Protein backbone atom coordinates (compact mmCIF):
# COMPACT_ATOMS: atom_id res chain seq x y z
CA UNK A 1 -69.35 139.03 -93.75
CA UNK A 2 -67.10 140.83 -96.22
CA UNK A 3 -64.34 140.97 -93.61
CA UNK A 4 -64.54 137.23 -93.03
CA UNK A 5 -64.57 136.46 -96.74
CA UNK A 6 -61.64 138.83 -97.31
CA UNK A 7 -59.65 137.22 -94.51
CA UNK A 8 -60.34 133.78 -95.94
CA UNK A 9 -59.22 134.88 -99.40
CA UNK A 10 -56.01 136.35 -98.02
CA UNK A 11 -55.31 133.14 -96.14
CA UNK A 12 -55.95 131.00 -99.24
CA UNK A 13 -53.75 133.10 -101.53
CA UNK A 14 -50.86 133.59 -99.11
CA UNK A 15 -47.63 131.83 -100.01
CA UNK A 16 -46.81 128.87 -97.77
CA UNK A 17 -44.21 129.45 -95.10
CA UNK A 18 -40.85 128.15 -96.26
CA UNK A 19 -39.48 124.99 -94.66
CA UNK A 20 -36.42 125.20 -92.51
CA UNK A 21 -33.38 123.62 -94.12
CA UNK A 22 -32.41 120.20 -92.81
CA UNK A 23 -28.60 120.06 -92.90
CA UNK A 24 -28.51 116.38 -91.89
CA UNK A 25 -31.12 115.04 -94.32
CA UNK A 26 -28.71 113.42 -96.75
CA UNK A 27 -26.61 111.86 -93.96
CA UNK A 28 -29.75 110.64 -92.13
CA UNK A 29 -31.18 108.96 -95.22
CA UNK A 30 -27.87 107.29 -96.08
CA UNK A 31 -27.23 106.15 -92.48
CA UNK A 32 -30.71 104.65 -92.12
CA UNK A 33 -30.43 102.89 -95.48
CA UNK A 34 -27.03 101.37 -94.67
CA UNK A 35 -28.05 100.46 -91.12
CA UNK A 36 -31.16 98.64 -92.32
CA UNK A 37 -29.24 96.74 -94.99
CA UNK A 38 -26.45 95.60 -92.62
CA UNK A 39 -28.17 95.21 -89.25
CA UNK A 40 -26.56 98.23 -87.55
CA UNK A 41 -28.68 99.63 -84.71
CA UNK A 42 -29.23 103.39 -84.42
CA UNK A 43 -30.87 104.37 -81.15
CA UNK A 44 -32.05 107.95 -80.56
CA UNK A 45 -31.42 109.04 -76.99
CA UNK A 46 -34.04 110.91 -74.94
CA UNK A 47 -31.68 113.74 -73.98
CA UNK A 48 -30.30 114.16 -77.52
CA UNK A 49 -27.79 112.35 -79.67
CA UNK A 50 -27.63 108.72 -80.72
CA UNK A 51 -25.98 105.44 -79.87
CA UNK A 52 -24.83 103.38 -82.84
CA UNK A 53 -24.30 99.67 -82.23
CA UNK A 54 -22.59 97.20 -84.58
CA UNK A 55 -24.59 94.34 -86.07
CA UNK A 56 -24.90 91.15 -84.05
CA UNK A 57 -21.94 88.89 -84.68
CA UNK A 58 -19.72 91.76 -85.86
CA UNK A 59 -16.25 90.22 -86.19
CA UNK A 60 -14.25 93.26 -87.29
CA UNK A 61 -12.40 95.77 -85.15
CA UNK A 62 -14.83 98.11 -83.43
CA UNK A 63 -13.42 101.59 -84.05
CA UNK A 64 -15.97 102.99 -81.59
CA UNK A 65 -15.43 100.49 -78.77
CA UNK A 66 -16.52 102.12 -75.50
CA UNK A 67 -17.91 105.23 -77.23
CA UNK A 68 -20.90 104.50 -79.47
CA UNK A 69 -22.35 108.01 -78.99
CA UNK A 70 -22.94 110.33 -81.95
CA UNK A 71 -24.17 113.94 -81.70
CA UNK A 72 -25.92 114.18 -85.07
CA UNK A 73 -26.63 112.20 -88.21
CA UNK A 74 -23.32 113.19 -89.81
CA UNK A 75 -21.55 111.36 -86.98
CA UNK A 76 -24.10 108.52 -87.09
CA UNK A 77 -23.25 108.00 -90.76
CA UNK A 78 -19.54 107.79 -89.92
CA UNK A 79 -20.24 105.17 -87.24
CA UNK A 80 -22.48 103.13 -89.53
CA UNK A 81 -19.91 103.21 -92.34
CA UNK A 82 -17.29 101.89 -89.92
CA UNK A 83 -19.45 98.80 -89.35
CA UNK A 84 -20.36 98.21 -93.01
CA UNK A 85 -17.94 96.13 -95.08
CA UNK A 86 -16.36 98.12 -97.92
């Protein structure tokens, strides 16, 4: 019983494992916020990456015409910003 209690105490007092850094967190949050506010569609692809589509009725020049693919959220943010009026 002492072994079990000791193991439980060690487990309770052990420091939590540190989280892995998320290098795209800031870009992801900003992209999602802008996309929601302006009707831009961000679609995660099954095999990795994203497609970013302009809002319905987008009248501006599509800088990503024919290539709406983005590898990560840093690129997604660039695509979304291209569709959002300044």
